[in-house]
Amino acid sequence: MIKSCVTISLVPSLAGGPWIYWDDLEISIPKAKAAGFDAVELFTASADAVTPDKLARLLDENGIELAAVGTGAGKALHGLHLVSTDSQIRRKAREFISSMIDFGARFGAPAIIGSMQGQLENGVDRGQALARLSEGLADLAEKADACGVNLILEPLNRYETDLINTLADGVTLIKSLKARNVSLLADLFHMNIEEQSIAKSILAAGRFIGHLHFVDSNRRPAGTGHIDLTKVAQALSEIGFDGYASAEALPWPDPDTAAAQTMSAFRKFLRKESSGLTPK
């Protein structure tokens, strides 16, 4: 059964980004539970930005899970990424992601590598960059495996990276690794830009998909754009996807309304058996 999830950002300097909740965890986690979500996905400035004991208490009190942790603050705040021409930046990028793996693993939650994959820099061709990305992912996958969690790679649209843009790109890269604990994040917003057919791409990637960003074409909550969510749901059902569908969406028109809209779309398209609704 697909589980519902909502994003929480704790990085005020990135206000305006695609996360539903922005308030302190004392406010956001109870709101997520009240809205009906099964889990939360956290985006924090660093691994020590949240006290683990406090997070554990809030998750337990609200009967909610930690689905995943984002690592993108390493890129957004510090300019770190895995394919930099500067070996020190690459090292620091791995250290940042490694610390996030440690943080998430305390709760059985995987780390997501999206923007931290980086992009081509002057003097580096695509082959060199992909080799560096593969090397970094291999090391980090080993780290994650030792912590008992998976690692999630997120293909991004061409305006955010020129490396892994499609699910097929991601599958090719993962197949080149010896690690067996790396999966893909299928983000419907990015896929709407890069994939010829979102549903067909999901079917082709199949078992490699481990996480879903449930969002619409305009990066607003699912059901407010033009993505055919009926076809998405059918494809996810065919591949037997049973991970988290996480709302990494703009809090439009406000966080509470965005959360409610997401849950309405989730129940309509992804958990029809519990809502009694069928897609129109």
C-alpha atoms as a PDB file:
ATOM      1  CA  MET A   1       0.000   0.000   0.000  1.00  0.00           C
ATOM      2  CA  ILE A   2       1.307   3.430  -0.929  1.00  0.00           C
ATOM      3  CA  LYS A   3       1.832   5.658   2.121  1.00  0.00           C
ATOM      4  CA  SER A   4       1.254   9.402   2.289  1.00  0.00           C
ATOM      5  CA  CYS A   5       3.951  11.867   3.251  1.00  0.00           C
ATOM      6  CA  VAL A   6       4.382  15.630   3.497  1.00  0.00           C
ATOM      7  CA  THR A   7       7.504  17.794   3.380  1.00  0.00           C
ATOM      8  CA  ILE A   8       8.753  20.053   6.157  1.00  0.00           C
ATOM      9  CA  SER A   9      11.520  22.598   5.559  1.00  0.00           C
ATOM     10  CA  LEU A  10      13.442  24.020   8.504  1.00  0.00           C
ATOM     11  CA  VAL A  11      15.616  26.365   6.396  1.00  0.00           C
ATOM     12  CA  PRO A  12      14.149  29.898   6.550  1.00  0.00           C
ATOM     13  CA  SER A  13      16.666  31.287   4.038  1.00  0.00           C
ATOM     14  CA  LEU A  14      15.081  29.096   1.342  1.00  0.00           C
ATOM     15  CA  ALA A  15      11.577  30.435   1.935  1.00  0.00           C
ATOM     16  CA  GLY A  16       9.446  30.129  -1.172  1.00  0.00           C
ATOM     17  CA  GLY A  17      10.729  26.681  -2.050  1.00  0.00           C
ATOM     18  CA  PRO A  18       8.604  23.573  -2.681  1.00  0.00           C
ATOM     19  CA  TRP A  19       7.883  22.400   0.845  1.00  0.00           C
ATOM     20  CA  ILE A  20       4.398  22.348   2.352  1.00  0.00           C
ATOM     21  CA  TYR A  21       5.228  23.104   5.986  1.00  0.00           C
ATOM     22  CA  TRP A  22       7.795  25.608   7.265  1.00  0.00           C
ATOM     23  CA  ASP A  23       7.034  25.895  10.961  1.00  0.00           C
ATOM     24  CA  ASP A  24       8.968  24.332  13.820  1.00  0.00           C
ATOM     25  CA  LEU A  25       8.494  20.596  14.220  1.00  0.00           C
ATOM     26  CA  GLU A  26       6.377  21.176  17.338  1.00  0.00           C
ATOM     27  CA  ILE A  27       3.821  22.774  15.012  1.00  0.00           C
ATOM     28  CA  SER A  28       4.407  20.995  11.704  1.00  0.00           C
ATOM     29  CA  ILE A  29       4.367  17.371  12.817  1.00  0.00           C
ATOM     30  CA  PRO A  30       1.011  17.645  14.651  1.00  0.00           C
ATOM     31  CA  LYS A  31      -0.373  19.473  11.591  1.00  0.00           C
ATOM     32  CA  ALA A  32       0.854  16.669   9.330  1.00  0.00           C
ATOM     33  CA  LYS A  33      -0.842  14.092  11.536  1.00  0.00           C
ATOM     34  CA  ALA A  34      -4.078  16.078  11.726  1.00  0.00           C
ATOM     35  CA  ALA A  35      -4.120  16.368   7.923  1.00  0.00           C
ATOM     36  CA  GLY A  36      -3.967  12.570   7.661  1.00  0.00           C
ATOM     37  CA  PHE A  37      -0.380  11.966   6.527  1.00  0.00           C
ATOM     38  CA  ASP A  38       1.444   8.757   7.405  1.00  0.00           C
ATOM     39  CA  ALA A  39       4.896  10.334   7.437  1.00  0.00           C
ATOM     40  CA  VAL A  40       7.005  13.461   7.039  1.00  0.00           C
ATOM     41  CA  GLU A  41      10.025  14.176   4.861  1.00  0.00           C
ATOM     42  CA  LEU A  42      12.502  16.627   6.398  1.00  0.00           C
ATOM     43  CA  PHE A  43      14.675  19.237   4.718  1.00  0.00           C
ATOM     44  CA  THR A  44      17.141  20.689   7.214  1.00  0.00           C
ATOM     45  CA  ALA A  45      20.235  22.899   7.063  1.00  0.00           C
ATOM     46  CA  SER A  46      22.396  20.131   8.503  1.00  0.00           C
ATOM     47  CA  ALA A  47      22.280  16.853  10.377  1.00  0.00           C
ATOM     48  CA  ASP A  48      22.558  18.627  13.729  1.00  0.00           C
ATOM     49  CA  ALA A  49      19.781  21.147  13.014  1.00  0.00           C
ATOM     50  CA  VAL A  50      17.264  18.850  14.715  1.00  0.00           C
ATOM     51  CA  THR A  51      17.664  17.190  18.089  1.00  0.00           C
ATOM     52  CA  PRO A  52      17.085  13.454  17.507  1.00  0.00           C
ATOM     53  CA  ASP A  53      15.415  12.960  20.888  1.00  0.00           C
ATOM     54  CA  LYS A  54      12.966  15.790  20.186  1.00  0.00           C
ATOM     55  CA  LEU A  55      12.159  14.408  16.747  1.00  0.00           C
ATOM     56  CA  ALA A  56      11.703  10.898  18.140  1.00  0.00           C
ATOM     57  CA  ARG A  57       9.321  12.230  20.799  1.00  0.00           C
ATOM     58  CA  LEU A  58       7.220  14.174  18.291  1.00  0.00           C
ATOM     59  CA  LEU A  59       7.022  11.273  15.862  1.00  0.00           C
ATOM     60  CA  ASP A  60       6.006   8.900  18.650  1.00  0.00           C
ATOM     61  CA  GLU A  61       3.456  11.258  20.190  1.00  0.00           C
ATOM     62  CA  ASN A  62       1.789  11.796  16.822  1.00  0.00           C
ATOM     63  CA  GLY A  63       2.044   8.219  15.539  1.00  0.00           C
ATOM     64  CA  ILE A  64       3.816   9.314  12.380  1.00  0.00           C
ATOM     65  CA  GLU A  65       6.979   8.136  10.579  1.00  0.00           C
ATOM     66  CA  LEU A  66      10.051   9.828   9.151  1.00  0.00           C
ATOM     67  CA  ALA A  67      10.006   8.817   5.476  1.00  0.00           C
ATOM     68  CA  ALA A  68      13.217  10.430   4.221  1.00  0.00           C
ATOM     69  CA  VAL A  69      15.675  13.273   4.730  1.00  0.00           C
ATOM     70  CA  GLY A  70      16.796  15.691   2.034  1.00  0.00           C
ATOM     71  CA  THR A  71      20.437  16.635   1.519  1.00  0.00           C
ATOM     72  CA  GLY A  72      19.983  19.589  -0.838  1.00  0.00           C
ATOM     73  CA  ALA A  73      20.955  22.185   1.757  1.00  0.00           C
ATOM     74  CA  GLY A  74      24.548  21.128   1.191  1.00  0.00           C
ATOM     75  CA  LYS A  75      24.270  22.530  -2.334  1.00  0.00           C
ATOM     76  CA  ALA A  76      21.904  25.416  -1.670  1.00  0.00           C
ATOM     77  CA  LEU A  77      23.674  26.761   1.410  1.00  0.00           C
ATOM     78  CA  HIS A  78      27.284  25.678   0.937  1.00  0.00           C
ATOM     79  CA  GLY A  79      27.769  25.062  -2.788  1.00  0.00           C
ATOM     80  CA  LEU A  80      28.737  21.431  -2.240  1.00  0.00           C
ATOM     81  CA  HIS A  81      28.160  18.703  -4.820  1.00  0.00           C
ATOM     82  CA  LEU A  82      29.560  15.338  -5.845  1.00  0.00           C
ATOM     83  CA  VAL A  83      31.085  16.188  -9.253  1.00  0.00           C
ATOM     84  CA  SER A  84      32.953  19.402  -8.485  1.00  0.00           C
ATOM     85  CA  THR A  85      36.366  19.912 -10.095  1.00  0.00           C
ATOM     86  CA  ASP A  86      37.609  20.710  -6.573  1.00  0.00           C
ATOM     87  CA  SER A  87      38.384  17.502  -4.701  1.00  0.00           C
ATOM     88  CA  GLN A  88      37.883  19.254  -1.362  1.00  0.00           C
ATOM     89  CA  ILE A  89      34.353  20.262  -2.331  1.00  0.00           C
ATOM     90  CA  ARG A  90      33.622  16.682  -3.396  1.00  0.00           C
ATOM     91  CA  ARG A  91      34.974  15.431  -0.066  1.00  0.00           C
ATOM     92  CA  LYS A  92      32.891  17.899   1.919  1.00  0.00           C
ATOM     93  CA  ALA A  93      29.830  16.968  -0.137  1.00  0.00           C
ATOM     94  CA  ARG A  94      30.262  13.307   0.780  1.00  0.00           C
ATOM     95  CA  GLU A  95      30.782  14.222   4.426  1.00  0.00           C
ATOM     96  CA  PHE A  96      27.603  16.330   4.435  1.00  0.00           C
ATOM     97  CA  ILE A  97      25.532  13.560   2.851  1.00  0.00           C
ATOM     98  CA  SER A  98      27.122  10.974   5.134  1.00  0.00           C
ATOM     99  CA  SER A  99      26.064  12.981   8.180  1.00  0.00           C
ATOM    100  CA  MET A 100      22.512  13.116   6.831  1.00  0.00           C
ATOM    101  CA  ILE A 101      22.577   9.348   6.299  1.00  0.00           C
ATOM    102  CA  ASP A 102      23.536   8.939   9.966  1.00  0.00           C
ATOM    103  CA  PHE A 103      20.751  11.276  11.041  1.00  0.00           C
ATOM    104  CA  GLY A 104      18.032   9.586   8.981  1.00  0.00           C
ATOM    105  CA  ALA A 105      19.195   6.076   9.820  1.00  0.00           C
ATOM    106  CA  ARG A 106      18.328   6.604  13.478  1.00  0.00           C
ATOM    107  CA  PHE A 107      14.722   6.551  12.303  1.00  0.00           C
ATOM    108  CA  GLY A 108      15.112   4.020   9.486  1.00  0.00           C
ATOM    109  CA  ALA A 109      14.811   6.815   6.923  1.00  0.00           C
ATOM    110  CA  PRO A 110      16.894   7.045   3.718  1.00  0.00           C
ATOM    111  CA  ALA A 111      18.709  10.152   2.488  1.00  0.00           C
ATOM    112  CA  ILE A 112      17.791  11.730  -0.844  1.00  0.00           C
ATOM    113  CA  ILE A 113      20.465  12.927  -3.265  1.00  0.00           C
ATOM    114  CA  GLY A 114      19.001  15.419  -5.730  1.00  0.00           C
ATOM    115  CA  SER A 115      20.786  18.723  -6.268  1.00  0.00           C
ATOM    116  CA  MET A 116      23.888  17.343  -4.542  1.00  0.00           C
ATOM    117  CA  GLN A 117      24.553  15.306  -7.675  1.00  0.00           C
ATOM    118  CA  GLY A 118      25.836  18.605  -9.099  1.00  0.00           C
ATOM    119  CA  GLN A 119      26.338  19.707 -12.680  1.00  0.00           C
ATOM    120  CA  LEU A 120      29.049  19.983 -15.316  1.00  0.00           C
ATOM    121  CA  GLU A 121      31.788  22.531 -14.682  1.00  0.00           C
ATOM    122  CA  ASN A 122      34.334  24.065 -17.071  1.00  0.00           C
ATOM    123  CA  GLY A 123      36.917  21.581 -18.293  1.00  0.00           C
ATOM    124  CA  VAL A 124      34.936  18.492 -17.311  1.00  0.00           C
ATOM    125  CA  ASP A 125      33.042  16.396 -19.824  1.00  0.00           C
ATOM    126  CA  ARG A 126      29.927  14.406 -19.057  1.00  0.00           C
ATOM    127  CA  GLY A 127      31.796  11.121 -18.811  1.00  0.00           C
ATOM    128  CA  GLN A 128      34.169  12.487 -16.177  1.00  0.00           C
ATOM    129  CA  ALA A 129      31.321  13.991 -14.188  1.00  0.00           C
ATOM    130  CA  LEU A 130      29.309  10.772 -14.246  1.00  0.00           C
ATOM    131  CA  ALA A 131      32.366   8.824 -13.136  1.00  0.00           C
ATOM    132  CA  ARG A 132      32.724  11.136 -10.139  1.00  0.00           C
ATOM    133  CA  LEU A 133      29.033  10.836  -9.392  1.00  0.00           C
ATOM    134  CA  SER A 134      29.223   7.044  -9.567  1.00  0.00           C
ATOM    135  CA  GLU A 135      32.222   7.007  -7.247  1.00  0.00           C
ATOM    136  CA  GLY A 136      30.466   9.238  -4.741  1.00  0.00           C
ATOM    137  CA  LEU A 137      27.241   7.244  -4.857  1.00  0.00           C
ATOM    138  CA  ALA A 138      29.103   3.976  -4.415  1.00  0.00           C
ATOM    139  CA  ASP A 139      30.836   5.220  -1.264  1.00  0.00           C
ATOM    140  CA  LEU A 140      27.650   6.721   0.138  1.00  0.00           C
ATOM    141  CA  ALA A 141      25.628   3.600  -0.662  1.00  0.00           C
ATOM    142  CA  GLU A 142      28.155   1.564   1.301  1.00  0.00           C
ATOM    143  CA  LYS A 143      27.778   3.984   4.192  1.00  0.00           C
ATOM    144  CA  ALA A 144      23.979   3.767   4.013  1.00  0.00           C
ATOM    145  CA  ASP A 145      24.108  -0.020   3.862  1.00  0.00           C
ATOM    146  CA  ALA A 146      26.223  -0.109   7.001  1.00  0.00           C
ATOM    147  CA  CYS A 147      23.531   2.025   8.662  1.00  0.00           C
ATOM    148  CA  GLY A 148      20.776  -0.301   7.458  1.00  0.00           C
ATOM    149  CA  VAL A 149      19.064   2.135   5.095  1.00  0.00           C
ATOM    150  CA  ASN A 150      18.756   2.792   1.381  1.00  0.00           C
ATOM    151  CA  LEU A 151      20.032   5.741  -0.617  1.00  0.00           C
ATOM    152  CA  ILE A 152      17.668   7.573  -2.958  1.00  0.00           C
ATOM    153  CA  LEU A 153      18.785   9.267  -6.188  1.00  0.00           C
ATOM    154  CA  GLU A 154      16.491  11.942  -7.612  1.00  0.00           C
ATOM    155  CA  PRO A 155      16.605  12.821 -11.334  1.00  0.00           C
ATOM    156  CA  LEU A 156      16.090  16.571 -11.783  1.00  0.00           C
ATOM    157  CA  ASN A 157      15.002  18.664 -14.729  1.00  0.00           C
ATOM    158  CA  ARG A 158      17.509  20.233 -17.136  1.00  0.00           C
ATOM    159  CA  TYR A 159      17.308  23.636 -15.429  1.00  0.00           C
ATOM    160  CA  GLU A 160      18.673  22.164 -12.201  1.00  0.00           C
ATOM    161  CA  THR A 161      21.241  19.651 -13.466  1.00  0.00           C
ATOM    162  CA  ASP A 162      22.689  18.385 -16.729  1.00  0.00           C
ATOM    163  CA  LEU A 163      23.533  14.927 -15.384  1.00  0.00           C
ATOM    164  CA  ILE A 164      20.623  12.714 -14.285  1.00  0.00           C
ATOM    165  CA  ASN A 165      17.444  14.143 -15.822  1.00  0.00           C
ATOM    166  CA  THR A 166      15.214  11.115 -16.431  1.00  0.00           C
ATOM    167  CA  LEU A 167      14.341   7.879 -14.685  1.00  0.00           C
ATOM    168  CA  ALA A 168      16.127   6.041 -17.503  1.00  0.00           C
ATOM    169  CA  ASP A 169      19.302   8.039 -16.755  1.00  0.00           C
ATOM    170  CA  GLY A 170      18.970   7.022 -13.135  1.00  0.00           C
ATOM    171  CA  VAL A 171      18.394   3.357 -13.895  1.00  0.00           C
ATOM    172  CA  THR A 172      21.495   3.276 -16.102  1.00  0.00           C
ATOM    173  CA  LEU A 173      23.616   4.804 -13.365  1.00  0.00           C
ATOM    174  CA  ILE A 174      22.269   2.547 -10.629  1.00  0.00           C
ATOM    175  CA  LYS A 175      22.845  -0.543 -12.764  1.00  0.00           C
ATOM    176  CA  SER A 176      26.506   0.462 -13.098  1.00  0.00           C
ATOM    177  CA  LEU A 177      26.946   0.363  -9.322  1.00  0.00           C
ATOM    178  CA  LYS A 178      27.697  -2.727  -7.283  1.00  0.00           C
ATOM    179  CA  ALA A 179      25.451  -1.408  -4.528  1.00  0.00           C
ATOM    180  CA  ARG A 180      21.969  -2.874  -4.288  1.00  0.00           C
ATOM    181  CA  ASN A 181      20.528  -0.341  -1.849  1.00  0.00           C
ATOM    182  CA  VAL A 182      20.182   2.620  -4.236  1.00  0.00           C
ATOM    183  CA  SER A 183      16.744   3.451  -5.592  1.00  0.00           C
ATOM    184  CA  LEU A 184      15.162   6.275  -7.577  1.00  0.00           C
ATOM    185  CA  LEU A 185      12.904   9.114  -6.589  1.00  0.00           C
ATOM    186  CA  ALA A 186      10.245   9.736  -9.221  1.00  0.00           C
ATOM    187  CA  ASP A 187       9.368  13.431  -8.926  1.00  0.00           C
ATOM    188  CA  LEU A 188       6.287  14.185 -11.031  1.00  0.00           C
ATOM    189  CA  PHE A 189       7.224  17.858 -11.447  1.00  0.00           C
ATOM    190  CA  HIS A 190      10.633  17.064 -12.921  1.00  0.00           C
ATOM    191  CA  MET A 191       9.219  14.189 -14.951  1.00  0.00           C
ATOM    192  CA  ASN A 192       6.617  16.482 -16.517  1.00  0.00           C
ATOM    193  CA  ILE A 193       9.507  18.485 -17.976  1.00  0.00           C
ATOM    194  CA  GLU A 194      11.831  15.655 -18.997  1.00  0.00           C
ATOM    195  CA  GLU A 195       9.847  12.505 -19.744  1.00  0.00           C
ATOM    196  CA  GLN A 196       7.963  11.862 -22.986  1.00  0.00           C
ATOM    197  CA  SER A 197       5.410   9.931 -20.949  1.00  0.00           C
ATOM    198  CA  ILE A 198       5.367   9.961 -17.154  1.00  0.00           C
ATOM    199  CA  ALA A 199       3.393   6.725 -16.932  1.00  0.00           C
ATOM    200  CA  LYS A 200       5.560   4.851 -19.444  1.00  0.00           C
ATOM    201  CA  SER A 201       8.730   6.021 -17.692  1.00  0.00           C
ATOM    202  CA  ILE A 202       7.409   4.721 -14.381  1.00  0.00           C
ATOM    203  CA  LEU A 203       6.608   1.368 -15.969  1.00  0.00           C
ATOM    204  CA  ALA A 204      10.080   1.166 -17.529  1.00  0.00           C
ATOM    205  CA  ALA A 205      11.875   2.024 -14.278  1.00  0.00           C
ATOM    206  CA  GLY A 206       9.752  -0.432 -12.310  1.00  0.00           C
ATOM    207  CA  ARG A 207      11.433  -1.853  -9.236  1.00  0.00           C
ATOM    208  CA  PHE A 208      14.100   0.873  -9.235  1.00  0.00           C
ATOM    209  CA  ILE A 209      11.572   3.432  -7.976  1.00  0.00           C
ATOM    210  CA  GLY A 210      11.703   3.701  -4.201  1.00  0.00           C
ATOM    211  CA  HIS A 211      10.105   7.081  -3.475  1.00  0.00           C
ATOM    212  CA  LEU A 212       7.639   9.433  -5.145  1.00  0.00           C
ATOM    213  CA  HIS A 213       7.257  13.196  -5.032  1.00  0.00           C
ATOM    214  CA  PHE A 214       3.518  13.615  -5.442  1.00  0.00           C
ATOM    215  CA  VAL A 215       3.218  17.063  -7.010  1.00  0.00           C
ATOM    216  CA  ASP A 216       1.696  18.585 -10.114  1.00  0.00           C
ATOM    217  CA  SER A 217       3.048  20.170 -13.311  1.00  0.00           C
ATOM    218  CA  ASN A 218       3.098  23.663 -11.803  1.00  0.00           C
ATOM    219  CA  ARG A 219       4.857  22.463  -8.630  1.00  0.00           C
ATOM    220  CA  ARG A 220       1.671  23.125  -6.745  1.00  0.00           C
ATOM    221  CA  PRO A 221      -0.174  20.339  -4.862  1.00  0.00           C
ATOM    222  CA  ALA A 222      -1.269  17.296  -6.842  1.00  0.00           C
ATOM    223  CA  GLY A 223      -4.552  17.860  -8.622  1.00  0.00           C
ATOM    224  CA  THR A 224      -4.002  21.568  -9.325  1.00  0.00           C
ATOM    225  CA  GLY A 225      -2.045  21.174 -12.579  1.00  0.00           C
ATOM    226  CA  HIS A 226      -2.334  19.137 -15.762  1.00  0.00           C
ATOM    227  CA  ILE A 227      -0.572  15.850 -14.958  1.00  0.00           C
ATOM    228  CA  ASP A 228      -2.804  12.849 -15.655  1.00  0.00           C
ATOM    229  CA  LEU A 229      -2.790  11.378 -12.159  1.00  0.00           C
ATOM    230  CA  THR A 230      -5.040   8.512 -13.189  1.00  0.00           C
ATOM    231  CA  LYS A 231      -2.347   7.191 -15.530  1.00  0.00           C
ATOM    232  CA  VAL A 232       0.333   7.792 -12.902  1.00  0.00           C
ATOM    233  CA  ALA A 233      -1.663   5.794 -10.369  1.00  0.00           C
ATOM    234  CA  GLN A 234      -2.201   2.955 -12.839  1.00  0.00           C
ATOM    235  CA  ALA A 235       1.511   2.776 -13.620  1.00  0.00           C
ATOM    236  CA  LEU A 236       2.463   2.768  -9.939  1.00  0.00           C
ATOM    237  CA  SER A 237      -0.040  -0.030  -9.335  1.00  0.00           C
ATOM    238  CA  GLU A 238       1.394  -2.078 -12.203  1.00  0.00           C
ATOM    239  CA  ILE A 239       4.942  -1.914 -10.841  1.00  0.00           C
ATOM    240  CA  GLY A 240       3.741  -2.709  -7.322  1.00  0.00           C
ATOM    241  CA  PHE A 241       5.028   0.522  -5.819  1.00  0.00           C
ATOM    242  CA  ASP A 242       4.382   0.559  -2.078  1.00  0.00           C
ATOM    243  CA  GLY A 243       6.652   3.361  -0.898  1.00  0.00           C
ATOM    244  CA  TYR A 244       5.910   6.914   0.164  1.00  0.00           C
ATOM    245  CA  ALA A 245       4.143   9.478  -2.001  1.00  0.00           C
ATOM    246  CA  SER A 246       5.558  12.695  -0.589  1.00  0.00           C
ATOM    247  CA  ALA A 247       4.138  16.168  -1.158  1.00  0.00           C
ATOM    248  CA  GLU A 248       7.184  18.185  -2.179  1.00  0.00           C
ATOM    249  CA  ALA A 249       5.074  21.043  -3.466  1.00  0.00           C
ATOM    250  CA  LEU A 250       4.710  24.773  -3.094  1.00  0.00           C
ATOM    251  CA  PRO A 251       2.484  25.647  -0.115  1.00  0.00           C
ATOM    252  CA  TRP A 252      -0.147  27.109  -2.426  1.00  0.00           C
ATOM    253  CA  PRO A 253      -2.289  28.958  -1.608  1.00  0.00           C
ATOM    254  CA  ASP A 254      -1.202  28.300   1.978  1.00  0.00           C
ATOM    255  CA  PRO A 255       0.290  25.312   3.843  1.00  0.00           C
ATOM    256  CA  ASP A 256      -2.922  23.986   5.361  1.00  0.00           C
ATOM    257  CA  THR A 257      -4.887  24.197   2.114  1.00  0.00           C
ATOM    258  CA  ALA A 258      -1.983  22.633   0.201  1.00  0.00           C
ATOM    259  CA  ALA A 259      -1.854  19.752   2.684  1.00  0.00           C
ATOM    260  CA  ALA A 260      -5.603  19.190   2.424  1.00  0.00           C
ATOM    261  CA  GLN A 261      -5.493  19.273  -1.387  1.00  0.00           C
ATOM    262  CA  THR A 262      -2.634  16.767  -1.418  1.00  0.00           C
ATOM    263  CA  MET A 263      -4.497  14.347   0.838  1.00  0.00           C
ATOM    264  CA  SER A 264      -7.631  14.706  -1.273  1.00  0.00           C
ATOM    265  CA  ALA A 265      -5.665  13.809  -4.413  1.00  0.00           C
ATOM    266  CA  PHE A 266      -3.809  11.029  -2.590  1.00  0.00           C
ATOM    267  CA  ARG A 267      -7.047   9.390  -1.478  1.00  0.00           C
ATOM    268  CA  LYS A 268      -8.638   9.816  -4.885  1.00  0.00           C
ATOM    269  CA  PHE A 269      -5.798   8.430  -6.974  1.00  0.00           C
ATOM    270  CA  LEU A 270      -3.351   6.465  -4.799  1.00  0.00           C
ATOM    271  CA  ARG A 271      -5.419   4.969  -2.011  1.00  0.00           C
ATOM    272  CA  LYS A 272      -8.808   4.454  -3.575  1.00  0.00           C
ATOM    273  CA  GLU A 273      -9.486   1.321  -1.552  1.00  0.00           C
ATOM    274  CA  SER A 274      -9.577   3.282   1.693  1.00  0.00           C
ATOM    275  CA  SER A 275     -11.476   6.301   0.418  1.00  0.00           C
ATOM    276  CA  GLY A 276     -14.122   4.637  -1.706  1.00  0.00           C
ATOM    277  CA  LEU A 277     -13.384   7.068  -4.502  1.00  0.00           C
ATOM    278  CA  THR A 278     -12.553   6.296  -8.075  1.00  0.00           C
ATOM    279  CA  PRO A 279     -10.777   8.567 -10.557  1.00  0.00           C
ATOM    280  CA  LYS A 280     -13.041  10.501 -12.896  1.00  0.00           C
END
